[in-house]
Amino acid sequence: SGASAMSIIRTHVLGNVLGPVFVYATGLLSVSMILAAGLSFL
């Protein structure tokens, strides 16, 4: 239909991508806490 790439990403793609990425990122919080404490320990 002639929509620009940025318009398609913002309107159609981003909403579908944020959910799975957000879920994966929340799982990294526990790992990040342990790694951060490990760096300070060292």
Full PDB file with SEQRES, HELIX, SHEET, SSBOND, CRYST1, ORIGX, SCALE, CONECT and MASTER records, all heavy atoms in Angstrom:
SEQRES   1 A   42  SER GLY ALA SER ALA MET SER ILE ILE ARG THR HIS VAL          
SEQRES   2 A   42  LEU GLY ASN VAL LEU GLY PRO VAL PHE VAL TYR ALA THR          
SEQRES   3 A   42  GLY LEU LEU SER VAL SER MET ILE LEU ALA ALA GLY LEU          
SEQRES   4 A   42  SER PHE LEU                                                  
HELIX    1 AA1 ALA A    5  ILE A    8  1                                   4    
HELIX    2 AA2 ILE A    9  VAL A   13  3                                   5    
HELIX    3 AA3 LEU A   14  PHE A   41  1                                  28    
CRYST1    1.000    1.000    1.000  90.00  90.00  90.00 P 1           1          
ORIGX1      1.000000  0.000000  0.000000        0.00000                         
ORIGX2      0.000000  1.000000  0.000000        0.00000                         
ORIGX3      0.000000  0.000000  1.000000        0.00000                         
SCALE1      1.000000  0.000000  0.000000        0.00000                         
SCALE2      0.000000  1.000000  0.000000        0.00000                         
SCALE3      0.000000  0.000000  1.000000        0.00000                         
ATOM      1  N   SER A   1       0.809  -1.218   0.000  1.00  0.00           N  
ATOM      2  CA  SER A   1       0.000   0.000   0.000  1.00  0.00           C  
ATOM      3  C   SER A   1       0.840   1.265   0.000  1.00  0.00           C  
ATOM      4  O   SER A   1       0.309   2.365  -0.092  1.00  0.00           O  
ATOM      5  CB  SER A   1      -0.934   0.007   1.221  1.00  0.00           C  
ATOM      6  OG  SER A   1      -0.179   0.126   2.417  1.00  0.00           O  
ATOM      7  N   GLY A   2       2.150   1.120   0.105  1.00  0.00           N  
ATOM      8  CA  GLY A   2       3.043   2.263   0.050  1.00  0.00           C  
ATOM      9  C   GLY A   2       3.480   2.786   1.401  1.00  0.00           C  
ATOM     10  O   GLY A   2       4.117   3.843   1.465  1.00  0.00           O  
ATOM     11  N   ALA A   3       3.152   2.096   2.498  1.00  0.00           N  
ATOM     12  CA  ALA A   3       3.568   2.540   3.825  1.00  0.00           C  
ATOM     13  C   ALA A   3       5.090   2.444   3.956  1.00  0.00           C  
ATOM     14  O   ALA A   3       5.718   1.520   3.433  1.00  0.00           O  
ATOM     15  CB  ALA A   3       2.890   1.698   4.898  1.00  0.00           C  
ATOM     16  N   SER A   4       5.669   3.401   4.650  1.00  0.00           N  
ATOM     17  CA  SER A   4       7.120   3.399   4.841  1.00  0.00           C  
ATOM     18  C   SER A   4       7.537   2.306   5.815  1.00  0.00           C  
ATOM     19  O   SER A   4       6.719   1.790   6.584  1.00  0.00           O  
ATOM     20  CB  SER A   4       7.576   4.759   5.362  1.00  0.00           C  
ATOM     21  OG  SER A   4       7.018   5.011   6.645  1.00  0.00           O  
ATOM     22  N   ALA A   5       8.827   1.982   5.766  1.00  0.00           N  
ATOM     23  CA  ALA A   5       9.335   0.924   6.643  1.00  0.00           C  
ATOM     24  C   ALA A   5       9.177   1.309   8.115  1.00  0.00           C  
ATOM     25  O   ALA A   5       8.791   0.482   8.943  1.00  0.00           O  
ATOM     26  CB  ALA A   5      10.801   0.647   6.313  1.00  0.00           C  
ATOM     27  N   MET A   6       9.454   2.572   8.451  1.00  0.00           N  
ATOM     28  CA  MET A   6       9.322   3.010   9.843  1.00  0.00           C  
ATOM     29  C   MET A   6       7.877   2.950  10.300  1.00  0.00           C  
ATOM     30  O   MET A   6       7.594   2.577  11.447  1.00  0.00           O  
ATOM     31  CB  MET A   6       9.866   4.433   9.993  1.00  0.00           C  
ATOM     32  CG  MET A   6      11.381   4.540   9.896  1.00  0.00           C  
ATOM     33  SD  MET A   6      12.217   3.542  11.151  1.00  0.00           S  
ATOM     34  CE  MET A   6      11.565   4.283  12.640  1.00  0.00           C  
ATOM     35  N   SER A   7       6.964   3.306   9.407  1.00  0.00           N  
ATOM     36  CA  SER A   7       5.545   3.240   9.763  1.00  0.00           C  
ATOM     37  C   SER A   7       5.102   1.807   9.994  1.00  0.00           C  
ATOM     38  O   SER A   7       4.352   1.519  10.942  1.00  0.00           O  
ATOM     39  CB  SER A   7       4.708   3.876   8.658  1.00  0.00           C  
ATOM     40  OG  SER A   7       3.325   3.750   8.949  1.00  0.00           O  
ATOM     41  N   ILE A   8       5.553   0.890   9.172  1.00  0.00           N  
ATOM     42  CA  ILE A   8       5.187  -0.520   9.331  1.00  0.00           C  
ATOM     43  C   ILE A   8       5.764  -1.078  10.626  1.00  0.00           C  
ATOM     44  O   ILE A   8       5.080  -1.780  11.373  1.00  0.00           O  
ATOM     45  CB  ILE A   8       5.674  -1.332   8.119  1.00  0.00           C  
ATOM     46  CG1 ILE A   8       4.942  -0.885   6.850  1.00  0.00           C  
ATOM     47  CG2 ILE A   8       5.472  -2.822   8.350  1.00  0.00           C  
ATOM     48  CD1 ILE A   8       5.448  -1.545   5.584  1.00  0.00           C  
ATOM     49  N   ILE A   9       7.028  -0.754  10.910  1.00  0.00           N  
ATOM     50  CA  ILE A   9       7.663  -1.258  12.133  1.00  0.00           C  
ATOM     51  C   ILE A   9       6.954  -0.702  13.365  1.00  0.00           C  
ATOM     52  O   ILE A   9       6.658  -1.445  14.306  1.00  0.00           O  
ATOM     53  CB  ILE A   9       9.154  -0.871  12.148  1.00  0.00           C  
ATOM     54  CG1 ILE A   9       9.907  -1.637  11.055  1.00  0.00           C  
ATOM     55  CG2 ILE A   9       9.768  -1.156  13.519  1.00  0.00           C  
ATOM     56  CD1 ILE A   9      11.361  -1.244  10.922  1.00  0.00           C  
ATOM     57  N   ARG A  10       6.653   0.596  13.345  1.00  0.00           N  
ATOM     58  CA  ARG A  10       6.023   1.221  14.505  1.00  0.00           C  
ATOM     59  C   ARG A  10       4.591   0.743  14.710  1.00  0.00           C  
ATOM     60  O   ARG A  10       4.154   0.523  15.854  1.00  0.00           O  
ATOM     61  CB  ARG A  10       6.049   2.735  14.343  1.00  0.00           C  
ATOM     62  CG  ARG A  10       5.495   3.495  15.543  1.00  0.00           C  
ATOM     63  CD  ARG A  10       5.561   4.994  15.344  1.00  0.00           C  
ATOM     64  NE  ARG A  10       4.715   5.442  14.245  1.00  0.00           N  
ATOM     65  CZ  ARG A  10       5.165   5.835  13.063  1.00  0.00           C  
ATOM     66  NH1 ARG A  10       6.486   5.821  12.831  1.00  0.00           N  
ATOM     67  NH2 ARG A  10       4.349   6.229  12.109  1.00  0.00           N  
ATOM     68  N   THR A  11       3.861   0.533  13.622  1.00  0.00           N  
ATOM     69  CA  THR A  11       2.437   0.217  13.730  1.00  0.00           C  
ATOM     70  C   THR A  11       2.166  -1.279  13.838  1.00  0.00           C  
ATOM     71  O   THR A  11       1.318  -1.703  14.626  1.00  0.00           O  
ATOM     72  CB  THR A  11       1.678   0.791  12.515  1.00  0.00           C  
ATOM     73  OG1 THR A  11       1.969   2.187  12.386  1.00  0.00           O  
ATOM     74  CG2 THR A  11       0.181   0.596  12.671  1.00  0.00           C  
ATOM     75  N   HIS A  12       2.887  -2.085  13.056  1.00  0.00           N  
ATOM     76  CA  HIS A  12       2.530  -3.494  12.933  1.00  0.00           C  
ATOM     77  C   HIS A  12       3.547  -4.453  13.559  1.00  0.00           C  
ATOM     78  O   HIS A  12       3.158  -5.512  14.047  1.00  0.00           O  
ATOM     79  CB  HIS A  12       2.367  -3.863  11.451  1.00  0.00           C  
ATOM     80  CG  HIS A  12       1.321  -3.058  10.737  1.00  0.00           C  
ATOM     81  ND1 HIS A  12      -0.023  -3.183  11.008  1.00  0.00           N  
ATOM     82  CD2 HIS A  12       1.438  -2.102   9.767  1.00  0.00           C  
ATOM     83  CE1 HIS A  12      -0.710  -2.353  10.231  1.00  0.00           C  
ATOM     84  NE2 HIS A  12       0.156  -1.678   9.476  1.00  0.00           N  
ATOM     85  N   VAL A  13       4.816  -4.090  13.514  1.00  0.00           N  
ATOM     86  CA  VAL A  13       5.856  -5.036  13.942  1.00  0.00           C  
ATOM     87  C   VAL A  13       6.193  -4.874  15.418  1.00  0.00           C  
ATOM     88  O   VAL A  13       6.289  -5.861  16.158  1.00  0.00           O  
ATOM     89  CB  VAL A  13       7.121  -4.870  13.076  1.00  0.00           C  
ATOM     90  CG1 VAL A  13       8.219  -5.838  13.536  1.00  0.00           C  
ATOM     91  CG2 VAL A  13       6.794  -5.091  11.611  1.00  0.00           C  
ATOM     92  N   LEU A  14       6.347  -3.631  15.868  1.00  0.00           N  
ATOM     93  CA  LEU A  14       6.841  -3.388  17.214  1.00  0.00           C  
ATOM     94  C   LEU A  14       5.944  -4.003  18.277  1.00  0.00           C  
ATOM     95  O   LEU A  14       6.435  -4.595  19.242  1.00  0.00           O  
ATOM     96  CB  LEU A  14       6.973  -1.877  17.445  1.00  0.00           C  
ATOM     97  CG  LEU A  14       7.626  -1.446  18.760  1.00  0.00           C  
ATOM     98  CD1 LEU A  14       9.041  -1.985  18.852  1.00  0.00           C  
ATOM     99  CD2 LEU A  14       7.627   0.072  18.872  1.00  0.00           C  
ATOM    100  N   GLY A  15       4.623  -3.898  18.111  1.00  0.00           N  
ATOM    101  CA  GLY A  15       3.710  -4.451  19.108  1.00  0.00           C  
ATOM    102  C   GLY A  15       3.820  -5.951  19.252  1.00  0.00           C  
ATOM    103  O   GLY A  15       3.622  -6.498  20.350  1.00  0.00           O  
ATOM    104  N   ASN A  16       4.145  -6.640  18.151  1.00  0.00           N  
ATOM    105  CA  ASN A  16       4.289  -8.093  18.209  1.00  0.00           C  
ATOM    106  C   ASN A  16       5.641  -8.529  18.761  1.00  0.00           C  
ATOM    107  O   ASN A  16       5.775  -9.652  19.248  1.00  0.00           O  
ATOM    108  CB  ASN A  16       4.110  -8.700  16.805  1.00  0.00           C  
ATOM    109  CG  ASN A  16       2.699  -8.543  16.287  1.00  0.00           C  
ATOM    110  OD1 ASN A  16       1.768  -9.183  16.758  1.00  0.00           O  
ATOM    111  ND2 ASN A  16       2.528  -7.663  15.312  1.00  0.00           N  
ATOM    112  N   VAL A  17       6.624  -7.648  18.668  1.00  0.00           N  
ATOM    113  CA  VAL A  17       7.979  -8.002  19.101  1.00  0.00           C  
ATOM    114  C   VAL A  17       8.194  -7.701  20.579  1.00  0.00           C  
ATOM    115  O   VAL A  17       8.883  -8.452  21.284  1.00  0.00           O  
ATOM    116  CB  VAL A  17       9.017  -7.264  18.233  1.00  0.00           C  
ATOM    117  CG1 VAL A  17      10.433  -7.488  18.760  1.00  0.00           C  
ATOM    118  CG2 VAL A  17       8.913  -7.717  16.786  1.00  0.00           C  
ATOM    119  N   LEU A  18       7.610  -6.611  21.081  1.00  0.00           N  
ATOM    120  CA  LEU A  18       7.884  -6.178  22.441  1.00  0.00           C  
ATOM    121  C   LEU A  18       7.477  -7.219  23.476  1.00  0.00           C  
ATOM    122  O   LEU A  18       8.166  -7.389  24.485  1.00  0.00           O  
ATOM    123  CB  LEU A  18       7.155  -4.857  22.735  1.00  0.00           C  
ATOM    124  CG  LEU A  18       7.776  -3.604  22.129  1.00  0.00           C  
ATOM    125  CD1 LEU A  18       6.954  -2.377  22.497  1.00  0.00           C  
ATOM    126  CD2 LEU A  18       9.215  -3.428  22.602  1.00  0.00           C  
ATOM    127  N   GLY A  19       6.353  -7.913  23.246  1.00  0.00           N  
ATOM    128  CA  GLY A  19       5.883  -8.894  24.223  1.00  0.00           C  
ATOM    129  C   GLY A  19       6.895  -9.995  24.492  1.00  0.00           C  
ATOM    130  O   GLY A  19       7.339 -10.179  25.641  1.00  0.00           O  
ATOM    131  N   PRO A  20       7.302 -10.772  23.478  1.00  0.00           N  
ATOM    132  CA  PRO A  20       8.300 -11.830  23.712  1.00  0.00           C  
ATOM    133  C   PRO A  20       9.627 -11.307  24.241  1.00  0.00           C  
ATOM    134  O   PRO A  20      10.250 -11.952  25.091  1.00  0.00           O  
ATOM    135  CB  PRO A  20       8.462 -12.460  22.317  1.00  0.00           C  
ATOM    136  CG  PRO A  20       7.186 -12.139  21.605  1.00  0.00           C  
ATOM    137  CD  PRO A  20       6.766 -10.803  22.112  1.00  0.00           C  
ATOM    138  N   VAL A  21      10.069 -10.152  23.743  1.00  0.00           N  
ATOM    139  CA  VAL A  21      11.345  -9.605  24.220  1.00  0.00           C  
ATOM    140  C   VAL A  21      11.238  -9.183  25.676  1.00  0.00           C  
ATOM    141  O   VAL A  21      12.164  -9.401  26.471  1.00  0.00           O  
ATOM    142  CB  VAL A  21      11.792  -8.420  23.332  1.00  0.00           C  
ATOM    143  CG1 VAL A  21      13.077  -7.802  23.876  1.00  0.00           C  
ATOM    144  CG2 VAL A  21      11.996  -8.877  21.901  1.00  0.00           C  
ATOM    145  N   PHE A  22      10.104  -8.585  26.041  1.00  0.00           N  
ATOM    146  CA  PHE A  22       9.894  -8.171  27.427  1.00  0.00           C  
ATOM    147  C   PHE A  22       9.904  -9.372  28.371  1.00  0.00           C  
ATOM    148  O   PHE A  22      10.512  -9.325  29.446  1.00  0.00           O  
ATOM    149  CB  PHE A  22       8.570  -7.414  27.547  1.00  0.00           C  
ATOM    150  CG  PHE A  22       8.198  -7.055  28.962  1.00  0.00           C  
ATOM    151  CD1 PHE A  22       8.820  -6.012  29.617  1.00  0.00           C  
ATOM    152  CD2 PHE A  22       7.232  -7.787  29.639  1.00  0.00           C  
ATOM    153  CE1 PHE A  22       8.482  -5.683  30.917  1.00  0.00           C  
ATOM    154  CE2 PHE A  22       6.880  -7.466  30.938  1.00  0.00           C  
ATOM    155  CZ  PHE A  22       7.511  -6.414  31.578  1.00  0.00           C  
ATOM    156  N   VAL A  23       9.229 -10.443  27.967  1.00  0.00           N  
ATOM    157  CA  VAL A  23       9.204 -11.651  28.795  1.00  0.00           C  
ATOM    158  C   VAL A  23      10.613 -12.201  28.965  1.00  0.00           C  
ATOM    159  O   VAL A  23      11.022 -12.591  30.072  1.00  0.00           O  
ATOM    160  CB  VAL A  23       8.271 -12.709  28.172  1.00  0.00           C  
ATOM    161  CG1 VAL A  23       8.401 -14.035  28.903  1.00  0.00           C  
ATOM    162  CG2 VAL A  23       6.826 -12.237  28.217  1.00  0.00           C  
ATOM    163  N   TYR A  24      11.378 -12.234  27.888  1.00  0.00           N  
ATOM    164  CA  TYR A  24      12.752 -12.745  27.979  1.00  0.00           C  
ATOM    165  C   TYR A  24      13.616 -11.836  28.855  1.00  0.00           C  
ATOM    166  O   TYR A  24      14.431 -12.316  29.640  1.00  0.00           O  
ATOM    167  CB  TYR A  24      13.353 -12.852  26.579  1.00  0.00           C  
ATOM    168  CG  TYR A  24      14.729 -13.458  26.557  1.00  0.00           C  
ATOM    169  CD1 TYR A  24      14.896 -14.830  26.635  1.00  0.00           C  
ATOM    170  CD2 TYR A  24      15.862 -12.659  26.467  1.00  0.00           C  
ATOM    171  CE1 TYR A  24      16.167 -15.390  26.619  1.00  0.00           C  
ATOM    172  CE2 TYR A  24      17.130 -13.211  26.457  1.00  0.00           C  
ATOM    173  CZ  TYR A  24      17.273 -14.578  26.543  1.00  0.00           C  
ATOM    174  OH  TYR A  24      18.529 -15.140  26.546  1.00  0.00           O  
ATOM    175  N   ALA A  25      13.417 -10.522  28.732  1.00  0.00           N  
ATOM    176  CA  ALA A  25      14.223  -9.585  29.522  1.00  0.00           C  
ATOM    177  C   ALA A  25      13.928  -9.709  31.009  1.00  0.00           C  
ATOM    178  O   ALA A  25      14.842  -9.591  31.835  1.00  0.00           O  
ATOM    179  CB  ALA A  25      13.975  -8.150  29.050  1.00  0.00           C  
ATOM    180  N   THR A  26      12.674  -9.960  31.374  1.00  0.00           N  
ATOM    181  CA  THR A  26      12.362 -10.128  32.794  1.00  0.00           C  
ATOM    182  C   THR A  26      13.082 -11.347  33.373  1.00  0.00           C  
ATOM    183  O   THR A  26      13.464 -11.351  34.543  1.00  0.00           O  
ATOM    184  CB  THR A  26      10.851 -10.272  33.003  1.00  0.00           C  
ATOM    185  OG1 THR A  26      10.350 -11.343  32.190  1.00  0.00           O  
ATOM    186  CG2 THR A  26      10.121  -8.990  32.654  1.00  0.00           C  
ATOM    187  N   GLY A  27      13.253 -12.367  32.548  1.00  0.00           N  
ATOM    188  CA  GLY A  27      13.995 -13.531  33.016  1.00  0.00           C  
ATOM    189  C   GLY A  27      15.473 -13.258  33.227  1.00  0.00           C  
ATOM    190  O   GLY A  27      16.138 -13.973  33.987  1.00  0.00           O  
ATOM    191  N   LEU A  28      16.003 -12.231  32.564  1.00  0.00           N  
ATOM    192  CA  LEU A  28      17.417 -11.879  32.721  1.00  0.00           C  
ATOM    193  C   LEU A  28      17.699 -11.097  33.996  1.00  0.00           C  
ATOM    194  O   LEU A  28      18.864 -10.951  34.381  1.00  0.00           O  
ATOM    195  CB  LEU A  28      17.886 -11.054  31.517  1.00  0.00           C  
ATOM    196  CG  LEU A  28      17.982 -11.761  30.170  1.00  0.00           C  
ATOM    197  CD1 LEU A  28      18.404 -10.772  29.090  1.00  0.00           C  
ATOM    198  CD2 LEU A  28      18.963 -12.925  30.231  1.00  0.00           C  
ATOM    199  N   LEU A  29      16.662 -10.585  34.642  1.00  0.00           N  
ATOM    200  CA  LEU A  29      16.883  -9.769  35.841  1.00  0.00           C  
ATOM    201  C   LEU A  29      17.547 -10.577  36.950  1.00  0.00           C  
ATOM    202  O   LEU A  29      18.444 -10.077  37.636  1.00  0.00           O  
ATOM    203  CB  LEU A  29      15.546  -9.197  36.326  1.00  0.00           C  
ATOM    204  CG  LEU A  29      14.942  -8.093  35.463  1.00  0.00           C  
ATOM    205  CD1 LEU A  29      13.541  -7.755  35.930  1.00  0.00           C  
ATOM    206  CD2 LEU A  29      15.826  -6.846  35.482  1.00  0.00           C  
ATOM    207  N   SER A  30      17.108 -11.812  37.148  1.00  0.00           N  
ATOM    208  CA  SER A  30      17.714 -12.633  38.194  1.00  0.00           C  
ATOM    209  C   SER A  30      19.173 -12.946  37.868  1.00  0.00           C  
ATOM    210  O   SER A  30      20.040 -12.928  38.750  1.00  0.00           O  
ATOM    211  CB  SER A  30      16.920 -13.922  38.374  1.00  0.00           C  
ATOM    212  OG  SER A  30      16.883 -14.666  37.175  1.00  0.00           O  
ATOM    213  N   VAL A  31      19.452 -13.206  36.586  1.00  0.00           N  
ATOM    214  CA  VAL A  31      20.838 -13.466  36.176  1.00  0.00           C  
ATOM    215  C   VAL A  31      21.686 -12.221  36.372  1.00  0.00           C  
ATOM    216  O   VAL A  31      22.834 -12.292  36.830  1.00  0.00           O  
ATOM    217  CB  VAL A  31      20.875 -13.922  34.704  1.00  0.00           C  
ATOM    218  CG1 VAL A  31      22.309 -14.189  34.259  1.00  0.00           C  
ATOM    219  CG2 VAL A  31      20.017 -15.167  34.507  1.00  0.00           C  
ATOM    220  N   SER A  32      21.115 -11.070  36.029  1.00  0.00           N  
ATOM    221  CA  SER A  32      21.858  -9.817  36.168  1.00  0.00           C  
ATOM    222  C   SER A  32      22.194  -9.524  37.623  1.00  0.00           C  
ATOM    223  O   SER A  32      23.296  -9.042  37.931  1.00  0.00           O  
ATOM    224  CB  SER A  32      21.040  -8.674  35.569  1.00  0.00           C  
ATOM    225  OG  SER A  32      21.747  -7.462  35.648  1.00  0.00           O  
ATOM    226  N   MET A  33      21.254  -9.810  38.531  1.00  0.00           N  
ATOM    227  CA  MET A  33      21.523  -9.591  39.953  1.00  0.00           C  
ATOM    228  C   MET A  33      22.714 -10.425  40.421  1.00  0.00           C  
ATOM    229  O   MET A  33      23.600  -9.938  41.135  1.00  0.00           O  
ATOM    230  CB  MET A  33      20.290  -9.943  40.770  1.00  0.00           C  
ATOM    231  CG  MET A  33      19.161  -8.934  40.715  1.00  0.00           C  
ATOM    232  SD  MET A  33      19.555  -7.364  41.519  1.00  0.00           S  
ATOM    233  CE  MET A  33      19.995  -7.942  43.159  1.00  0.00           C  
ATOM    234  N   ILE A  34      22.750 -11.679  40.006  1.00  0.00           N  
ATOM    235  CA  ILE A  34      23.830 -12.568  40.441  1.00  0.00           C  
ATOM    236  C   ILE A  34      25.157 -12.155  39.820  1.00  0.00           C  
ATOM    237  O   ILE A  34      26.198 -12.132  40.499  1.00  0.00           O  
ATOM    238  CB  ILE A  34      23.472 -14.023  40.086  1.00  0.00           C  
ATOM    239  CG1 ILE A  34      22.227 -14.463  40.866  1.00  0.00           C  
ATOM    240  CG2 ILE A  34      24.637 -14.956  40.390  1.00  0.00           C  
ATOM    241  CD1 ILE A  34      21.708 -15.832  40.477  1.00  0.00           C  
ATOM    242  N   LEU A  35      25.158 -11.824  38.519  1.00  0.00           N  
ATOM    243  CA  LEU A  35      26.400 -11.409  37.865  1.00  0.00           C  
ATOM    244  C   LEU A  35      26.927 -10.102  38.440  1.00  0.00           C  
ATOM    245  O   LEU A  35      28.137  -9.942  38.631  1.00  0.00           O  
ATOM    246  CB  LEU A  35      26.165 -11.262  36.362  1.00  0.00           C  
ATOM    247  CG  LEU A  35      25.939 -12.548  35.569  1.00  0.00           C  
ATOM    248  CD1 LEU A  35      25.718 -12.238  34.100  1.00  0.00           C  
ATOM    249  CD2 LEU A  35      27.105 -13.509  35.739  1.00  0.00           C  
ATOM    250  N   ALA A  36      26.016  -9.154  38.731  1.00  0.00           N  
ATOM    251  CA  ALA A  36      26.449  -7.878  39.309  1.00  0.00           C  
ATOM    252  C   ALA A  36      27.075  -8.092  40.680  1.00  0.00           C  
ATOM    253  O   ALA A  36      28.111  -7.495  41.017  1.00  0.00           O  
ATOM    254  CB  ALA A  36      25.261  -6.918  39.398  1.00  0.00           C  
ATOM    255  N   ALA A  37      26.445  -8.942  41.498  1.00  0.00           N  
ATOM    256  CA  ALA A  37      27.017  -9.235  42.811  1.00  0.00           C  
ATOM    257  C   ALA A  37      28.359  -9.955  42.671  1.00  0.00           C  
ATOM    258  O   ALA A  37      29.283  -9.714  43.454  1.00  0.00           O  
ATOM    259  CB  ALA A  37      26.043 -10.093  43.615  1.00  0.00           C  
ATOM    260  N   GLY A  38      28.459 -10.820  41.661  1.00  0.00           N  
ATOM    261  CA  GLY A  38      29.725 -11.519  41.443  1.00  0.00           C  
ATOM    262  C   GLY A  38      30.851 -10.578  41.061  1.00  0.00           C  
ATOM    263  O   GLY A  38      31.990 -10.742  41.520  1.00  0.00           O  
ATOM    264  N   LEU A  39      30.549  -9.592  40.228  1.00  0.00           N  
ATOM    265  CA  LEU A  39      31.586  -8.625  39.853  1.00  0.00           C  
ATOM    266  C   LEU A  39      32.050  -7.821  41.065  1.00  0.00           C  
ATOM    267  O   LEU A  39      33.249  -7.571  41.229  1.00  0.00           O  
ATOM    268  CB  LEU A  39      31.047  -7.685  38.771  1.00  0.00           C  
ATOM    269  CG  LEU A  39      30.792  -8.300  37.391  1.00  0.00           C  
ATOM    270  CD1 LEU A  39      30.216  -7.259  36.440  1.00  0.00           C  
ATOM    271  CD2 LEU A  39      32.064  -8.907  36.806  1.00  0.00           C  
ATOM    272  N   SER A  40      31.119  -7.412  41.909  1.00  0.00           N  
ATOM    273  CA  SER A  40      31.509  -6.684  43.120  1.00  0.00           C  
ATOM    274  C   SER A  40      32.292  -7.579  44.070  1.00  0.00           C  
ATOM    275  O   SER A  40      33.225  -7.126  44.738  1.00  0.00           O  
ATOM    276  CB  SER A  40      30.260  -6.131  43.818  1.00  0.00           C  
ATOM    277  OG  SER A  40      29.620  -5.160  43.027  1.00  0.00           O  
ATOM    278  N   PHE A  41      31.902  -8.850  44.144  1.00  0.00           N  
ATOM    279  CA  PHE A  41      32.623  -9.791  45.001  1.00  0.00           C  
ATOM    280  C   PHE A  41      34.074  -9.929  44.553  1.00  0.00           C  
ATOM    281  O   PHE A  41      34.981 -10.074  45.383  1.00  0.00           O  
ATOM    282  CB  PHE A  41      31.926 -11.148  44.968  1.00  0.00           C  
ATOM    283  CG  PHE A  41      32.564 -12.182  45.835  1.00  0.00           C  
ATOM    284  CD1 PHE A  41      32.259 -12.261  47.192  1.00  0.00           C  
ATOM    285  CD2 PHE A  41      33.472 -13.084  45.316  1.00  0.00           C  
ATOM    286  CE1 PHE A  41      32.852 -13.216  47.999  1.00  0.00           C  
ATOM    287  CE2 PHE A  41      34.067 -14.039  46.110  1.00  0.00           C  
ATOM    288  CZ  PHE A  41      33.757 -14.110  47.459  1.00  0.00           C  
ATOM    289  N   LEU A  42      34.296  -9.871  43.250  1.00  0.00           N  
ATOM    290  CA  LEU A  42      35.653 -10.006  42.708  1.00  0.00           C  
ATOM    291  C   LEU A  42      36.427  -8.691  42.723  1.00  0.00           C  
ATOM    292  O   LEU A  42      37.577  -8.650  42.283  1.00  0.00           O  
ATOM    293  CB  LEU A  42      35.586 -10.537  41.270  1.00  0.00           C  
ATOM    294  CG  LEU A  42      35.027 -11.956  41.116  1.00  0.00           C  
ATOM    295  CD1 LEU A  42      34.882 -12.305  39.636  1.00  0.00           C  
ATOM    296  CD2 LEU A  42      35.922 -12.972  41.822  1.00  0.00           C  
TER     297      LEU A  42                                                      
MASTER        0    0    0    3    0    0    0    6  296    1    0    4          
END                                                                             
